[in-house]
Amino acid sequence: GLVQAGASLRLSCVASGRTMITYNMGWFRQAPGRER
């Protein structure tokens, strides 16, 4: 979402299709003009 500097957010990621219990998980980000 759109927030002001100093605010907080909580992102969620739900996996489906098979259990994720054996998977390593992570978060990446990509800003305009920059690599992921």
PDB file of all heavy atoms in Angstrom:
ATOM      1  N   GLY A   1       0.814  -1.200   0.000  1.00  0.00           N
ATOM      2  CA  GLY A   1       0.000   0.000   0.000  1.00  0.00           C
ATOM      3  C   GLY A   1       0.847   1.249   0.000  1.00  0.00           C
ATOM      4  O   GLY A   1       2.073   1.195  -0.121  1.00  0.00           O
ATOM      5  N   LEU A   2       0.176   2.396   0.144  1.00  0.00           N
ATOM      6  CA  LEU A   2       0.819   3.703   0.188  1.00  0.00           C
ATOM      7  C   LEU A   2       0.808   4.199   1.624  1.00  0.00           C
ATOM      8  O   LEU A   2      -0.266   4.345   2.226  1.00  0.00           O
ATOM      9  CB  LEU A   2       0.081   4.687  -0.724  1.00  0.00           C
ATOM     10  CG  LEU A   2       0.504   6.148  -0.656  1.00  0.00           C
ATOM     11  CD1 LEU A   2       1.972   6.297  -1.065  1.00  0.00           C
ATOM     12  CD2 LEU A   2      -0.391   6.999  -1.536  1.00  0.00           C
ATOM     13  N   VAL A   3       1.994   4.460   2.177  1.00  0.00           N
ATOM     14  CA  VAL A   3       2.122   4.911   3.557  1.00  0.00           C
ATOM     15  C   VAL A   3       3.146   6.029   3.643  1.00  0.00           C
ATOM     16  O   VAL A   3       3.945   6.240   2.732  1.00  0.00           O
ATOM     17  CB  VAL A   3       2.527   3.771   4.509  1.00  0.00           C
ATOM     18  CG1 VAL A   3       1.472   2.670   4.517  1.00  0.00           C
ATOM     19  CG2 VAL A   3       3.889   3.212   4.118  1.00  0.00           C
ATOM     20  N   GLN A   4       3.131   6.738   4.770  1.00  0.00           N
ATOM     21  CA  GLN A   4       4.104   7.785   5.025  1.00  0.00           C
ATOM     22  C   GLN A   4       5.370   7.204   5.649  1.00  0.00           C
ATOM     23  O   GLN A   4       5.347   6.130   6.258  1.00  0.00           O
ATOM     24  CB  GLN A   4       3.532   8.846   5.964  1.00  0.00           C
ATOM     25  CG  GLN A   4       2.376   9.635   5.394  1.00  0.00           C
ATOM     26  CD  GLN A   4       1.947  10.743   6.327  1.00  0.00           C
ATOM     27  OE1 GLN A   4       2.055  11.931   5.998  1.00  0.00           O
ATOM     28  NE2 GLN A   4       1.465  10.366   7.500  1.00  0.00           N
ATOM     29  N   ALA A   5       6.464   7.917   5.497  1.00  0.00           N
ATOM     30  CA  ALA A   5       7.708   7.513   6.144  1.00  0.00           C
ATOM     31  C   ALA A   5       7.493   7.333   7.640  1.00  0.00           C
ATOM     32  O   ALA A   5       6.819   8.136   8.286  1.00  0.00           O
ATOM     33  CB  ALA A   5       8.796   8.544   5.880  1.00  0.00           C
ATOM     34  N   GLY A   6       8.058   6.267   8.182  1.00  0.00           N
ATOM     35  CA  GLY A   6       7.909   5.948   9.585  1.00  0.00           C
ATOM     36  C   GLY A   6       6.782   4.989   9.892  1.00  0.00           C
ATOM     37  O   GLY A   6       6.712   4.456  11.007  1.00  0.00           O
ATOM     38  N   ALA A   7       5.902   4.743   8.930  1.00  0.00           N
ATOM     39  CA  ALA A   7       4.770   3.849   9.128  1.00  0.00           C
ATOM     40  C   ALA A   7       5.192   2.389   9.001  1.00  0.00           C
ATOM     41  O   ALA A   7       6.346   2.079   8.693  1.00  0.00           O
ATOM     42  CB  ALA A   7       3.667   4.167   8.128  1.00  0.00           C
ATOM     43  N   SER A   8       4.236   1.497   9.233  1.00  0.00           N
ATOM     44  CA  SER A   8       4.477   0.062   9.168  1.00  0.00           C
ATOM     45  C   SER A   8       3.497  -0.612   8.230  1.00  0.00           C
ATOM     46  O   SER A   8       2.377  -0.151   8.037  1.00  0.00           O
ATOM     47  CB  SER A   8       4.356  -0.568  10.557  1.00  0.00           C
ATOM     48  OG  SER A   8       5.323  -0.069  11.447  1.00  0.00           O
ATOM     49  N   LEU A   9       3.923  -1.720   7.661  1.00  0.00           N
ATOM     50  CA  LEU A   9       3.082  -2.586   6.850  1.00  0.00           C
ATOM     51  C   LEU A   9       3.432  -4.030   7.170  1.00  0.00           C
ATOM     52  O   LEU A   9       4.543  -4.327   7.611  1.00  0.00           O
ATOM     53  CB  LEU A   9       3.287  -2.343   5.357  1.00  0.00           C
ATOM     54  CG  LEU A   9       2.682  -1.097   4.723  1.00  0.00           C
ATOM     55  CD1 LEU A   9       3.175  -0.959   3.285  1.00  0.00           C
ATOM     56  CD2 LEU A   9       1.165  -1.152   4.759  1.00  0.00           C
ATOM     57  N   ARG A  10       2.483  -4.908   6.928  1.00  0.00           N
ATOM     58  CA  ARG A  10       2.724  -6.334   7.062  1.00  0.00           C
ATOM     59  C   ARG A  10       2.337  -7.023   5.763  1.00  0.00           C
ATOM     60  O   ARG A  10       1.169  -6.996   5.370  1.00  0.00           O
ATOM     61  CB  ARG A  10       1.927  -6.926   8.213  1.00  0.00           C
ATOM     62  CG  ARG A  10       2.303  -8.372   8.546  1.00  0.00           C
ATOM     63  CD  ARG A  10       1.264  -9.003   9.440  1.00  0.00           C
ATOM     64  NE  ARG A  10       1.740 -10.228  10.073  1.00  0.00           N
ATOM     65  CZ  ARG A  10       0.938 -11.190  10.507  1.00  0.00           C
ATOM     66  NH1 ARG A  10      -0.375 -11.070  10.398  1.00  0.00           N
ATOM     67  NH2 ARG A  10       1.462 -12.272  11.081  1.00  0.00           N
ATOM     68  N   LEU A  11       3.301  -7.614   5.103  1.00  0.00           N
ATOM     69  CA  LEU A  11       3.066  -8.339   3.872  1.00  0.00           C
ATOM     70  C   LEU A  11       2.856  -9.815   4.170  1.00  0.00           C
ATOM     71  O   LEU A  11       3.498 -10.378   5.055  1.00  0.00           O
ATOM     72  CB  LEU A  11       4.241  -8.181   2.909  1.00  0.00           C
ATOM     73  CG  LEU A  11       4.701  -6.755   2.607  1.00  0.00           C
ATOM     74  CD1 LEU A  11       5.823  -6.779   1.574  1.00  0.00           C
ATOM     75  CD2 LEU A  11       3.547  -5.896   2.130  1.00  0.00           C
ATOM     76  N   SER A  12       1.962 -10.439   3.412  1.00  0.00           N
ATOM     77  CA  SER A  12       1.692 -11.860   3.556  1.00  0.00           C
ATOM     78  C   SER A  12       1.861 -12.546   2.209  1.00  0.00           C
ATOM     79  O   SER A  12       1.609 -11.954   1.161  1.00  0.00           O
ATOM     80  CB  SER A  12       0.271 -12.104   4.068  1.00  0.00           C
ATOM     81  OG  SER A  12       0.073 -11.526   5.334  1.00  0.00           O
ATOM     82  N   CYS A  13       2.280 -13.789   2.249  1.00  0.00           N
ATOM     83  CA  CYS A  13       2.414 -14.611   1.059  1.00  0.00           C
ATOM     84  C   CYS A  13       1.852 -15.986   1.375  1.00  0.00           C
ATOM     85  O   CYS A  13       2.360 -16.675   2.262  1.00  0.00           O
ATOM     86  CB  CYS A  13       3.881 -14.708   0.631  1.00  0.00           C
ATOM     87  SG  CYS A  13       4.199 -15.892  -0.701  1.00  0.00           S
ATOM     88  N   VAL A  14       0.809 -16.372   0.652  1.00  0.00           N
ATOM     89  CA  VAL A  14       0.170 -17.664   0.843  1.00  0.00           C
ATOM     90  C   VAL A  14       0.578 -18.594  -0.284  1.00  0.00           C
ATOM     91  O   VAL A  14       0.444 -18.243  -1.461  1.00  0.00           O
ATOM     92  CB  VAL A  14      -1.358 -17.533   0.905  1.00  0.00           C
ATOM     93  CG1 VAL A  14      -2.004 -18.901   1.088  1.00  0.00           C
ATOM     94  CG2 VAL A  14      -1.772 -16.602   2.033  1.00  0.00           C
ATOM     95  N   ALA A  15       1.062 -19.760   0.067  1.00  0.00           N
ATOM     96  CA  ALA A  15       1.469 -20.759  -0.911  1.00  0.00           C
ATOM     97  C   ALA A  15       0.377 -21.798  -1.088  1.00  0.00           C
ATOM     98  O   ALA A  15      -0.271 -22.208  -0.126  1.00  0.00           O
ATOM     99  CB  ALA A  15       2.763 -21.441  -0.479  1.00  0.00           C
ATOM    100  N   SER A  16       0.184 -22.232  -2.318  1.00  0.00           N
ATOM    101  CA  SER A  16      -0.792 -23.268  -2.615  1.00  0.00           C
ATOM    102  C   SER A  16      -0.216 -24.231  -3.646  1.00  0.00           C
ATOM    103  O   SER A  16       0.801 -23.956  -4.270  1.00  0.00           O
ATOM    104  CB  SER A  16      -2.097 -22.662  -3.130  1.00  0.00           C
ATOM    105  OG  SER A  16      -1.891 -21.949  -4.336  1.00  0.00           O
ATOM    106  N   GLY A  17      -0.888 -25.354  -3.822  1.00  0.00           N
ATOM    107  CA  GLY A  17      -0.447 -26.355  -4.790  1.00  0.00           C
ATOM    108  C   GLY A  17       0.257 -27.538  -4.145  1.00  0.00           C
ATOM    109  O   GLY A  17       0.063 -28.667  -4.548  1.00  0.00           O
ATOM    110  N   ARG A  18       1.064 -27.255  -3.170  1.00  0.00           N
ATOM    111  CA  ARG A  18       1.736 -28.272  -2.377  1.00  0.00           C
ATOM    112  C   ARG A  18       2.226 -27.632  -1.097  1.00  0.00           C
ATOM    113  O   ARG A  18       2.339 -26.405  -1.018  1.00  0.00           O
ATOM    114  CB  ARG A  18       2.889 -28.926  -3.134  1.00  0.00           C
ATOM    115  CG  ARG A  18       4.003 -27.979  -3.524  1.00  0.00           C
ATOM    116  CD  ARG A  18       5.079 -28.679  -4.332  1.00  0.00           C
ATOM    117  NE  ARG A  18       5.744 -29.722  -3.569  1.00  0.00           N
ATOM    118  CZ  ARG A  18       6.694 -30.528  -4.050  1.00  0.00           C
ATOM    119  NH1 ARG A  18       7.079 -30.398  -5.323  1.00  0.00           N
ATOM    120  NH2 ARG A  18       7.244 -31.454  -3.290  1.00  0.00           N
ATOM    121  N   THR A  19       2.542 -28.428  -0.122  1.00  0.00           N
ATOM    122  CA  THR A  19       3.018 -27.882   1.139  1.00  0.00           C
ATOM    123  C   THR A  19       4.330 -27.144   0.950  1.00  0.00           C
ATOM    124  O   THR A  19       5.169 -27.524   0.137  1.00  0.00           O
ATOM    125  CB  THR A  19       3.196 -28.985   2.185  1.00  0.00           C
ATOM    126  OG1 THR A  19       3.650 -28.414   3.409  1.00  0.00           O
ATOM    127  CG2 THR A  19       4.219 -30.014   1.701  1.00  0.00           C
ATOM    128  N   MET A  20       4.506 -26.058   1.688  1.00  0.00           N
ATOM    129  CA  MET A  20       5.745 -25.296   1.635  1.00  0.00           C
ATOM    130  C   MET A  20       6.655 -25.602   2.805  1.00  0.00           C
ATOM    131  O   MET A  20       7.678 -24.946   2.988  1.00  0.00           O
ATOM    132  CB  MET A  20       5.455 -23.790   1.587  1.00  0.00           C
ATOM    133  CG  MET A  20       5.041 -23.177   2.912  1.00  0.00           C
ATOM    134  SD  MET A  20       4.960 -21.361   2.812  1.00  0.00           S
ATOM    135  CE  MET A  20       5.258 -20.929   4.527  1.00  0.00           C
ATOM    136  N   ILE A  21       6.324 -26.603   3.584  1.00  0.00           N
ATOM    137  CA  ILE A  21       7.052 -26.859   4.818  1.00  0.00           C
ATOM    138  C   ILE A  21       8.527 -27.161   4.558  1.00  0.00           C
ATOM    139  O   ILE A  21       9.377 -26.857   5.389  1.00  0.00           O
ATOM    140  CB  ILE A  21       6.388 -27.984   5.626  1.00  0.00           C
ATOM    141  CG1 ILE A  21       6.948 -28.035   7.048  1.00  0.00           C
ATOM    142  CG2 ILE A  21       6.549 -29.335   4.925  1.00  0.00           C
ATOM    143  CD1 ILE A  21       6.157 -28.908   7.993  1.00  0.00           C
ATOM    144  N   THR A  22       8.854 -27.744   3.403  1.00  0.00           N
ATOM    145  CA  THR A  22      10.241 -28.073   3.082  1.00  0.00           C
ATOM    146  C   THR A  22      10.933 -27.014   2.244  1.00  0.00           C
ATOM    147  O   THR A  22      12.075 -27.201   1.843  1.00  0.00           O
ATOM    148  CB  THR A  22      10.328 -29.415   2.354  1.00  0.00           C
ATOM    149  OG1 THR A  22       9.613 -29.339   1.113  1.00  0.00           O
ATOM    150  CG2 THR A  22       9.749 -30.534   3.215  1.00  0.00           C
ATOM    151  N   TYR A  23      10.273 -25.890   1.980  1.00  0.00           N
ATOM    152  CA  TYR A  23      10.820 -24.845   1.129  1.00  0.00           C
ATOM    153  C   TYR A  23      11.499 -23.755   1.945  1.00  0.00           C
ATOM    154  O   TYR A  23      11.006 -23.346   2.996  1.00  0.00           O
ATOM    155  CB  TYR A  23       9.717 -24.196   0.287  1.00  0.00           C
ATOM    156  CG  TYR A  23       9.242 -25.033  -0.872  1.00  0.00           C
ATOM    157  CD1 TYR A  23       8.408 -26.116  -0.671  1.00  0.00           C
ATOM    158  CD2 TYR A  23       9.623 -24.723  -2.167  1.00  0.00           C
ATOM    159  CE1 TYR A  23       7.970 -26.889  -1.735  1.00  0.00           C
ATOM    160  CE2 TYR A  23       9.184 -25.481  -3.240  1.00  0.00           C
ATOM    161  CZ  TYR A  23       8.358 -26.561  -3.020  1.00  0.00           C
ATOM    162  OH  TYR A  23       7.917 -27.314  -4.077  1.00  0.00           O
ATOM    163  N   ASN A  24      12.638 -23.277   1.434  1.00  0.00           N
ATOM    164  CA  ASN A  24      13.171 -22.006   1.892  1.00  0.00           C
ATOM    165  C   ASN A  24      12.331 -20.896   1.259  1.00  0.00           C
ATOM    166  O   ASN A  24      11.974 -20.976   0.085  1.00  0.00           O
ATOM    167  CB  ASN A  24      14.629 -21.838   1.476  1.00  0.00           C
ATOM    168  CG  ASN A  24      15.542 -22.832   2.162  1.00  0.00           C
ATOM    169  OD1 ASN A  24      15.302 -23.257   3.283  1.00  0.00           O
ATOM    170  ND2 ASN A  24      16.629 -23.196   1.485  1.00  0.00           N
ATOM    171  N   MET A  25      12.036 -19.858   2.033  1.00  0.00           N
ATOM    172  CA  MET A  25      11.181 -18.769   1.563  1.00  0.00           C
ATOM    173  C   MET A  25      11.908 -17.441   1.688  1.00  0.00           C
ATOM    174  O   MET A  25      12.832 -17.292   2.491  1.00  0.00           O
ATOM    175  CB  MET A  25       9.882 -18.712   2.362  1.00  0.00           C
ATOM    176  CG  MET A  25       9.064 -19.997   2.347  1.00  0.00           C
ATOM    177  SD  MET A  25       8.410 -20.402   0.700  1.00  0.00           S
ATOM    178  CE  MET A  25       7.288 -19.019   0.433  1.00  0.00           C
ATOM    179  N   GLY A  26      11.468 -16.465   0.909  1.00  0.00           N
ATOM    180  CA  GLY A  26      12.097 -15.167   0.989  1.00  0.00           C
ATOM    181  C   GLY A  26      11.263 -14.071   0.377  1.00  0.00           C
ATOM    182  O   GLY A  26      10.220 -14.314  -0.249  1.00  0.00           O
ATOM    183  N   TRP A  27      11.723 -12.853   0.600  1.00  0.00           N
ATOM    184  CA  TRP A  27      11.140 -11.662   0.002  1.00  0.00           C
ATOM    185  C   TRP A  27      12.220 -10.911  -0.764  1.00  0.00           C
ATOM    186  O   TRP A  27      13.330 -10.699  -0.250  1.00  0.00           O
ATOM    187  CB  TRP A  27      10.540 -10.731   1.055  1.00  0.00           C
ATOM    188  CG  TRP A  27       9.298 -11.262   1.699  1.00  0.00           C
ATOM    189  CD1 TRP A  27       9.206 -11.997   2.837  1.00  0.00           C
ATOM    190  CD2 TRP A  27       7.958 -11.090   1.228  1.00  0.00           C
ATOM    191  NE1 TRP A  27       7.899 -12.294   3.119  1.00  0.00           N
ATOM    192  CE2 TRP A  27       7.112 -11.748   2.152  1.00  0.00           C
ATOM    193  CE3 TRP A  27       7.391 -10.440   0.132  1.00  0.00           C
ATOM    194  CZ2 TRP A  27       5.721 -11.777   1.989  1.00  0.00           C
ATOM    195  CZ3 TRP A  27       6.018 -10.470  -0.028  1.00  0.00           C
ATOM    196  CH2 TRP A  27       5.198 -11.130   0.892  1.00  0.00           C
ATOM    197  N   PHE A  28      11.902 -10.532  -1.990  1.00  0.00           N
ATOM    198  CA  PHE A  28      12.738  -9.683  -2.812  1.00  0.00           C
ATOM    199  C   PHE A  28      11.982  -8.398  -3.103  1.00  0.00           C
ATOM    200  O   PHE A  28      10.771  -8.315  -2.908  1.00  0.00           O
ATOM    201  CB  PHE A  28      13.097 -10.369  -4.133  1.00  0.00           C
ATOM    202  CG  PHE A  28      14.098 -11.482  -4.005  1.00  0.00           C
ATOM    203  CD1 PHE A  28      13.772 -12.669  -3.374  1.00  0.00           C
ATOM    204  CD2 PHE A  28      15.372 -11.350  -4.539  1.00  0.00           C
ATOM    205  CE1 PHE A  28      14.687 -13.698  -3.260  1.00  0.00           C
ATOM    206  CE2 PHE A  28      16.296 -12.374  -4.441  1.00  0.00           C
ATOM    207  CZ  PHE A  28      15.955 -13.546  -3.796  1.00  0.00           C
ATOM    208  N   ARG A  29      12.699  -7.390  -3.578  1.00  0.00           N
ATOM    209  CA  ARG A  29      12.036  -6.162  -3.996  1.00  0.00           C
ATOM    210  C   ARG A  29      12.737  -5.597  -5.219  1.00  0.00           C
ATOM    211  O   ARG A  29      13.918  -5.830  -5.444  1.00  0.00           O
ATOM    212  CB  ARG A  29      12.000  -5.124  -2.867  1.00  0.00           C
ATOM    213  CG  ARG A  29      13.362  -4.591  -2.442  1.00  0.00           C
ATOM    214  CD  ARG A  29      13.204  -3.682  -1.224  1.00  0.00           C
ATOM    215  NE  ARG A  29      14.473  -3.148  -0.783  1.00  0.00           N
ATOM    216  CZ  ARG A  29      14.637  -2.430   0.321  1.00  0.00           C
ATOM    217  NH1 ARG A  29      13.596  -2.161   1.102  1.00  0.00           N
ATOM    218  NH2 ARG A  29      15.842  -1.970   0.644  1.00  0.00           N
ATOM    219  N   GLN A  30      11.976  -4.855  -6.007  1.00  0.00           N
ATOM    220  CA  GLN A  30      12.508  -4.244  -7.213  1.00  0.00           C
ATOM    221  C   GLN A  30      11.913  -2.861  -7.381  1.00  0.00           C
ATOM    222  O   GLN A  30      10.699  -2.708  -7.509  1.00  0.00           O
ATOM    223  CB  GLN A  30      12.214  -5.099  -8.444  1.00  0.00           C
ATOM    224  CG  GLN A  30      12.897  -4.610  -9.710  1.00  0.00           C
ATOM    225  CD  GLN A  30      12.863  -5.635 -10.819  1.00  0.00           C
ATOM    226  OE1 GLN A  30      12.009  -6.517 -10.840  1.00  0.00           O
ATOM    227  NE2 GLN A  30      13.803  -5.533 -11.741  1.00  0.00           N
ATOM    228  N   ALA A  31      12.771  -1.854  -7.360  1.00  0.00           N
ATOM    229  CA  ALA A  31      12.374  -0.473  -7.580  1.00  0.00           C
ATOM    230  C   ALA A  31      12.579  -0.123  -9.050  1.00  0.00           C
ATOM    231  O   ALA A  31      13.386  -0.758  -9.737  1.00  0.00           O
ATOM    232  CB  ALA A  31      13.187   0.459  -6.692  1.00  0.00           C
ATOM    233  N   PRO A  32      11.870   0.890  -9.550  1.00  0.00           N
ATOM    234  CA  PRO A  32      12.043   1.284 -10.947  1.00  0.00           C
ATOM    235  C   PRO A  32      13.501   1.598 -11.273  1.00  0.00           C
ATOM    236  O   PRO A  32      14.169   2.327 -10.539  1.00  0.00           O
ATOM    237  CB  PRO A  32      11.171   2.530 -11.076  1.00  0.00           C
ATOM    238  CG  PRO A  32      10.118   2.351 -10.028  1.00  0.00           C
ATOM    239  CD  PRO A  32      10.830   1.692  -8.885  1.00  0.00           C
ATOM    240  N   GLY A  33      13.996   1.038 -12.361  1.00  0.00           N
ATOM    241  CA  GLY A  33      15.353   1.288 -12.794  1.00  0.00           C
ATOM    242  C   GLY A  33      16.417   0.533 -12.032  1.00  0.00           C
ATOM    243  O   GLY A  33      17.613   0.767 -12.274  1.00  0.00           O
ATOM    244  N   ARG A  34      16.020  -0.347 -11.129  1.00  0.00           N
ATOM    245  CA  ARG A  34      16.982  -1.114 -10.349  1.00  0.00           C
ATOM    246  C   ARG A  34      16.724  -2.604 -10.507  1.00  0.00           C
ATOM    247  O   ARG A  34      15.638  -3.032 -10.878  1.00  0.00           O
ATOM    248  CB  ARG A  34      16.913  -0.727  -8.872  1.00  0.00           C
ATOM    249  CG  ARG A  34      17.259   0.731  -8.601  1.00  0.00           C
ATOM    250  CD  ARG A  34      17.387   1.005  -7.122  1.00  0.00           C
ATOM    251  NE  ARG A  34      18.397   0.178  -6.485  1.00  0.00           N
ATOM    252  CZ  ARG A  34      19.711   0.422  -6.514  1.00  0.00           C
ATOM    253  NH1 ARG A  34      20.180   1.482  -7.161  1.00  0.00           N
ATOM    254  NH2 ARG A  34      20.549  -0.384  -5.894  1.00  0.00           N
ATOM    255  N   GLU A  35      17.740  -3.393 -10.218  1.00  0.00           N
ATOM    256  CA  GLU A  35      17.603  -4.839 -10.313  1.00  0.00           C
ATOM    257  C   GLU A  35      16.869  -5.388  -9.103  1.00  0.00           C
ATOM    258  O   GLU A  35      16.804  -4.754  -8.045  1.00  0.00           O
ATOM    259  CB  GLU A  35      18.975  -5.502 -10.446  1.00  0.00           C
ATOM    260  CG  GLU A  35      19.860  -5.344  -9.225  1.00  0.00           C
ATOM    261  CD  GLU A  35      21.237  -5.948  -9.423  1.00  0.00           C
ATOM    262  OE1 GLU A  35      21.569  -6.303 -10.568  1.00  0.00           O
ATOM    263  OE2 GLU A  35      21.979  -6.078  -8.437  1.00  0.00           O
ATOM    264  N   ARG A  36      16.287  -6.570  -9.270  1.00  0.00           N
ATOM    265  CA  ARG A  36      15.605  -7.215  -8.164  1.00  0.00           C
ATOM    266  C   ARG A  36      16.630  -7.664  -7.123  1.00  0.00           C
ATOM    267  O   ARG A  36      17.615  -8.319  -7.455  1.00  0.00           O
ATOM    268  CB  ARG A  36      14.794  -8.411  -8.678  1.00  0.00           C
ATOM    269  CG  ARG A  36      13.844  -8.994  -7.658  1.00  0.00           C
ATOM    270  CD  ARG A  36      12.900 -10.027  -8.290  1.00  0.00           C
ATOM    271  NE  ARG A  36      12.075  -9.434  -9.344  1.00  0.00           N
ATOM    272  CZ  ARG A  36      11.089 -10.067  -9.950  1.00  0.00           C
ATOM    273  NH1 ARG A  36      10.794 -11.330  -9.620  1.00  0.00           N
ATOM    274  NH2 ARG A  36      10.398  -9.460 -10.904  1.00  0.00           N
TER     275      ARG A  36
END
